[in-house]
Amino acid sequence: MLPVCLGTATKVCELLTEKDKVYEAVLLLGTETDTQDASGTVLNQKDVRHTPQEIQNVITSFIGDYSQIPPMYSALKVNGKKLCDLARAGVEVERKPRQVRIGHIEILWMRLPRVGLRIHCSKGTYIRTLCHDIGKKLGCGGCMEELVRTKVSIFEREHALTLAQIQNLADEGRLQEILLPVDHLFSQYPKVQVRPEFQTMLRNGNRLPKHAFEPAVQTGRTYRVYLDTLFYALYTSDEKRADYKPVKIFGSQQVRKNRSTEWNGGTGHEI
């Protein structure tokens, strides 16, 4: 599933990448590959002799903060070179562990050597590395066989549209029906207006005093800021300076963002 931003709504892209995500994956135990997924070259294979309870105990042990070493087949750069390019050239380099967080792992089914998982994780988590690490901890090896992202922030798979559906609506001139206003992404934050005498400061992206908003705002919170009826910016409290600083300015255009498109495993099959 992929949220797609249009126009100046592309300003929220970096905010989306900061959000937690949910994936559904198939863990294949007993097989270890160079890419940590089923597309790679098999390095080792072992029989899976563990009981379902032993496998469950190891899987759930990864819930919480977790130090993960990024895979060689990734777009991360070391000394200006992508790891995946180095890996294709047969070069392996040392990678620094990164702290990620596994919020929850649900075992959807278990038909050994395969295990279906639903994983809620922080940004920067490599699910194939998680599968590899689960297999390593069990001692039989493991890799990721399938992966589907089912949720990013507030956007969920059941509300997603395929590329074909979006194209059909565009051909019918109905694309506007599926576009969502950008402030939909920030509905968890209270809505405030800017008083007329502070509107120029808002347009210039300046910090604003507490009394610039109506209704009254509270210290320690983030707000959706509107200029009349137009969503204009996100502002958050700065307790040290006792005022409010901009998180992101969206400007004077009516910014809209569409629903999500989703595909499975990069095969070109939209679901």
Protein backbone atom coordinates (compact mmCIF):
# COMPACT_ATOMS: atom_id res chain seq x y z
CA MET A 1 0.00 0.00 0.00
CA LEU A 2 1.35 3.39 -1.00
CA PRO A 3 -0.15 6.78 -0.05
CA VAL A 4 0.24 9.13 -3.03
CA CYS A 5 0.54 12.89 -2.57
CA LEU A 6 -0.41 15.43 -5.22
CA GLY A 7 0.67 19.03 -5.74
CA THR A 8 1.89 20.85 -2.66
CA ALA A 9 0.61 17.94 -0.59
CA THR A 10 3.98 16.35 -1.41
CA LYS A 11 5.18 18.34 1.60
CA VAL A 12 3.67 15.64 3.83
CA CYS A 13 5.78 12.85 2.27
CA GLU A 14 8.57 13.23 4.79
CA LEU A 15 6.01 13.20 7.60
CA LEU A 16 4.55 9.94 6.29
CA THR A 17 7.93 8.24 6.24
CA GLU A 18 8.24 9.00 9.95
CA LYS A 19 5.07 7.05 10.73
CA ASP A 20 4.77 3.48 11.95
CA LYS A 21 3.77 0.86 9.40
CA VAL A 22 2.03 -2.50 9.42
CA TYR A 23 3.10 -5.40 7.22
CA GLU A 24 1.90 -8.93 6.56
CA ALA A 25 4.75 -11.29 5.75
CA VAL A 26 5.47 -14.96 5.22
CA LEU A 27 8.53 -16.20 7.09
CA LEU A 28 10.17 -19.23 5.47
CA LEU A 29 12.18 -21.09 8.10
CA GLY A 30 15.06 -23.39 7.27
CA THR A 31 16.26 -21.31 4.31
CA GLU A 32 18.90 -18.59 4.41
CA THR A 33 19.63 -16.40 1.35
CA ASP A 34 22.07 -13.63 0.50
CA THR A 35 19.25 -11.09 0.11
CA GLN A 36 17.34 -12.29 3.19
CA ASP A 37 14.28 -12.91 1.01
CA ALA A 38 13.16 -15.71 -1.30
CA SER A 39 14.47 -13.93 -4.42
CA GLY A 40 18.10 -14.37 -3.40
CA THR A 41 20.66 -17.12 -3.75
CA VAL A 42 20.19 -19.88 -1.17
CA LEU A 43 23.18 -20.03 1.19
CA ASN A 44 22.03 -22.64 3.68
CA GLN A 45 19.08 -24.96 4.22
CA LYS A 46 18.19 -26.91 7.35
CA ASP A 47 15.29 -28.97 8.59
CA VAL A 48 12.94 -27.15 10.96
CA ARG A 49 12.74 -29.31 14.08
CA HIS A 50 11.33 -26.74 16.47
CA THR A 51 7.90 -26.99 18.06
CA PRO A 52 5.28 -24.32 17.30
CA GLN A 53 5.63 -23.06 20.89
CA GLU A 54 9.40 -22.67 20.55
CA ILE A 55 8.93 -20.73 17.30
CA GLN A 56 6.27 -18.52 18.85
CA ASN A 57 8.51 -17.75 21.84
CA VAL A 58 11.37 -16.65 19.59
CA ILE A 59 9.15 -14.57 17.32
CA THR A 60 7.54 -12.67 20.20
CA SER A 61 10.96 -12.09 21.80
CA PHE A 62 11.59 -9.48 19.08
CA ILE A 63 8.75 -7.26 20.32
CA GLY A 64 10.13 -4.00 21.67
CA ASP A 65 13.33 -2.11 20.90
CA TYR A 66 15.61 -4.12 18.66
CA SER A 67 19.10 -3.48 17.27
CA GLN A 68 18.96 -4.39 13.57
CA ILE A 69 21.84 -4.57 11.10
CA PRO A 70 20.62 -3.33 7.68
CA PRO A 71 20.95 -5.90 4.86
CA MET A 72 23.59 -5.57 2.16
CA TYR A 73 20.82 -5.59 -0.46
CA SER A 74 19.39 -2.22 0.50
CA ALA A 75 19.53 1.36 -0.76
CA LEU A 76 21.45 2.62 2.28
CA LYS A 77 24.78 4.25 1.48
CA VAL A 78 28.21 3.62 2.99
CA ASN A 79 30.94 6.09 1.96
CA GLY A 80 28.64 7.39 -0.79
CA LYS A 81 27.95 3.98 -2.33
CA LYS A 82 24.68 2.07 -2.16
CA LEU A 83 24.92 -1.19 -0.27
CA CYS A 84 22.98 -3.01 -2.99
CA ASP A 85 25.53 -1.93 -5.63
CA LEU A 86 28.37 -3.18 -3.45
CA ALA A 87 26.53 -6.45 -2.84
CA ARG A 88 26.02 -7.02 -6.57
CA ALA A 89 29.76 -6.47 -7.04
CA GLY A 90 30.45 -9.15 -4.45
CA VAL A 91 31.63 -6.68 -1.80
CA GLU A 92 30.38 -6.88 1.77
CA VAL A 93 31.04 -4.02 4.18
CA GLU A 94 30.44 -3.54 7.86
CA ARG A 95 27.09 -1.94 8.67
CA LYS A 96 26.25 -0.20 11.91
CA PRO A 97 23.23 -1.57 13.81
CA ARG A 98 20.20 0.69 13.87
CA GLN A 99 17.67 0.88 16.66
CA VAL A 100 14.16 0.01 15.50
CA ARG A 101 11.02 -0.88 17.38
CA ILE A 102 8.67 -3.79 16.84
CA GLY A 103 5.40 -2.67 18.37
CA HIS A 104 3.58 -5.94 17.87
CA ILE A 105 3.95 -9.26 16.06
CA GLU A 106 0.88 -11.40 15.47
CA ILE A 107 1.23 -14.97 14.23
CA LEU A 108 -1.57 -15.29 11.67
CA TRP A 109 -0.94 -18.96 10.86
CA MET A 110 1.78 -21.58 11.11
CA ARG A 111 2.28 -24.28 8.47
CA LEU A 112 5.92 -25.17 8.96
CA PRO A 113 8.34 -24.33 7.53
CA ARG A 114 6.21 -21.22 6.80
CA VAL A 115 4.74 -18.77 9.30
CA GLY A 116 2.34 -15.94 8.48
CA LEU A 117 3.03 -12.76 10.44
CA ARG A 118 1.46 -9.34 10.95
CA ILE A 119 4.08 -6.85 12.11
CA HIS A 120 3.61 -3.33 13.47
CA CYS A 121 6.97 -1.59 13.35
CA SER A 122 8.76 1.75 13.40
CA LYS A 123 10.26 3.48 10.40
CA GLY A 124 13.49 2.02 9.05
CA THR A 125 12.63 -1.57 9.94
CA TYR A 126 13.61 -4.21 7.38
CA ILE A 127 11.09 -7.04 7.57
CA ARG A 128 13.36 -9.43 5.66
CA THR A 129 16.11 -8.77 8.19
CA LEU A 130 13.64 -9.47 10.99
CA CYS A 131 12.80 -12.79 9.30
CA HIS A 132 16.52 -13.54 8.94
CA ASP A 133 17.15 -12.72 12.59
CA ILE A 134 14.26 -14.89 13.78
CA GLY A 135 15.69 -17.82 11.81
CA LYS A 136 19.17 -17.12 13.15
CA LYS A 137 17.96 -17.08 16.74
CA LEU A 138 16.14 -20.38 16.19
CA GLY A 139 19.30 -21.83 14.66
CA CYS A 140 17.64 -23.09 11.48
CA GLY A 141 17.88 -19.92 9.40
CA GLY A 142 15.03 -18.03 7.80
CA CYS A 143 14.11 -15.61 5.05
CA MET A 144 11.13 -13.53 3.95
CA GLU A 145 9.03 -15.25 1.28
CA GLU A 146 6.21 -12.71 0.85
CA LEU A 147 5.50 -9.16 2.00
CA VAL A 148 2.55 -6.77 1.79
CA ARG A 149 2.37 -3.39 3.50
CA THR A 150 -1.14 -2.99 4.89
CA LYS A 151 -1.01 0.31 6.79
CA VAL A 152 0.91 3.59 6.82
CA SER A 153 -0.14 6.07 9.50
CA ILE A 154 -3.96 6.37 9.20
CA PHE A 155 -4.11 4.81 5.72
CA GLU A 156 -5.20 1.18 5.61
CA ARG A 157 -5.37 -1.43 2.88
CA GLU A 158 -9.15 -1.85 2.96
CA HIS A 159 -9.55 1.78 1.86
CA ALA A 160 -6.96 1.54 -0.91
CA LEU A 161 -7.71 1.72 -4.63
CA THR A 162 -5.87 -0.06 -7.41
CA LEU A 163 -4.10 1.86 -10.15
CA ALA A 164 -6.70 0.52 -12.59
CA GLN A 165 -9.55 1.86 -10.44
CA ILE A 166 -7.89 5.25 -10.21
CA GLN A 167 -7.34 5.35 -13.97
CA ASN A 168 -11.00 4.49 -14.62
CA LEU A 169 -12.15 7.31 -12.35
CA ALA A 170 -9.75 9.71 -14.06
CA ASP A 171 -11.08 8.68 -17.49
CA GLU A 172 -14.61 9.37 -16.26
CA GLY A 173 -13.62 12.78 -14.87
CA ARG A 174 -14.36 11.65 -11.31
CA LEU A 175 -10.88 11.72 -9.83
CA GLN A 176 -11.84 14.49 -7.45
CA GLU A 177 -14.23 12.10 -5.71
CA ILE A 178 -11.39 10.10 -4.19
CA LEU A 179 -9.08 12.97 -3.24
CA LEU A 180 -8.77 13.72 0.47
CA PRO A 181 -7.85 17.13 1.89
CA VAL A 182 -4.34 17.18 3.30
CA ASP A 183 -5.55 18.07 6.79
CA HIS A 184 -7.20 14.63 6.89
CA LEU A 185 -3.75 13.27 7.73
CA PHE A 186 -3.58 15.47 10.83
CA SER A 187 -7.08 14.98 12.21
CA GLN A 188 -5.60 13.94 15.57
CA TYR A 189 -4.54 17.56 16.17
CA PRO A 190 -7.01 20.26 17.31
CA LYS A 191 -8.08 22.93 14.82
CA VAL A 192 -7.42 26.62 15.45
CA GLN A 193 -7.79 29.87 13.52
CA VAL A 194 -5.23 32.67 13.33
CA ARG A 195 -6.42 36.05 14.48
CA PRO A 196 -6.50 38.68 11.67
CA GLU A 197 -3.63 40.74 13.13
CA PHE A 198 -1.29 37.70 12.94
CA GLN A 199 -2.17 36.48 9.45
CA THR A 200 0.82 38.18 7.81
CA MET A 201 3.15 36.49 10.30
CA LEU A 202 1.57 33.15 9.44
CA ARG A 203 1.99 33.73 5.68
CA ASN A 204 5.66 34.53 6.29
CA GLY A 205 6.15 31.32 8.27
CA ASN A 206 7.01 33.16 11.49
CA ARG A 207 6.75 31.84 15.01
CA LEU A 208 3.50 32.92 16.67
CA PRO A 209 2.60 33.89 20.24
CA LYS A 210 0.04 31.94 22.19
CA HIS A 211 -2.58 34.68 21.83
CA ALA A 212 -2.35 34.52 17.99
CA PHE A 213 -4.82 31.63 17.94
CA GLU A 214 -8.47 31.15 18.63
CA PRO A 215 -9.80 29.28 20.45
CA ALA A 216 -7.17 29.38 23.17
CA VAL A 217 -4.29 26.90 22.78
CA GLN A 218 -2.45 24.84 25.38
CA THR A 219 1.26 24.43 26.01
CA GLY A 220 2.80 21.17 24.83
CA ARG A 221 0.42 20.51 21.95
CA THR A 222 0.44 20.59 18.14
CA TYR A 223 -2.35 22.31 16.17
CA ARG A 224 -3.82 22.43 12.69
CA VAL A 225 -3.75 26.12 11.82
CA TYR A 226 -6.33 27.61 9.44
CA LEU A 227 -6.45 30.89 7.60
CA ASP A 228 -10.19 31.48 7.46
CA THR A 229 -11.45 28.14 6.07
CA LEU A 230 -8.13 27.11 4.50
CA PHE A 231 -5.77 24.65 6.20
CA TYR A 232 -2.46 26.50 6.18
CA ALA A 233 0.08 24.92 8.54
CA LEU A 234 0.97 22.74 11.48
CA TYR A 235 2.28 24.58 14.54
CA THR A 236 3.62 23.11 17.74
CA SER A 237 4.32 24.51 21.18
CA ASP A 238 7.88 25.53 22.07
CA GLU A 239 7.90 25.50 25.86
CA LYS A 240 11.38 27.02 26.16
CA ARG A 241 10.40 30.14 24.21
CA ALA A 242 6.75 30.11 25.33
CA ASP A 243 5.46 30.48 21.78
CA TYR A 244 4.51 28.29 18.78
CA LYS A 245 6.80 27.30 15.91
CA PRO A 246 5.84 25.96 12.47
CA VAL A 247 6.21 22.23 11.87
CA LYS A 248 5.18 22.47 8.22
CA ILE A 249 3.72 25.30 6.13
CA PHE A 250 1.40 24.21 3.33
CA GLY A 251 0.71 27.64 1.93
CA SER A 252 -2.24 29.30 0.28
CA GLN A 253 -3.28 26.60 -2.18
CA GLN A 254 -6.10 24.21 -1.48
CA VAL A 255 -3.99 21.12 -1.00
CA ARG A 256 -5.49 17.69 -1.44
CA LYS A 257 -4.16 14.18 -1.11
CA ASN A 258 -5.51 11.02 -2.63
CA ARG A 259 -6.27 7.62 -1.27
CA SER A 260 -3.73 4.85 -1.37
CA THR A 261 -2.65 2.55 -4.14
CA GLU A 262 -1.40 -0.85 -3.23
CA TRP A 263 0.46 -3.69 -4.83
CA ASN A 264 1.78 -7.06 -3.75
CA GLY A 265 5.48 -7.83 -3.78
CA GLY A 266 6.34 -5.58 -6.70
CA THR A 267 4.87 -8.04 -9.17
CA GLY A 268 2.61 -5.47 -10.81
CA HIS A 269 -0.51 -7.06 -9.37
CA GLU A 270 -2.67 -4.42 -7.74
CA ILE A 271 -4.92 -5.43 -4.86
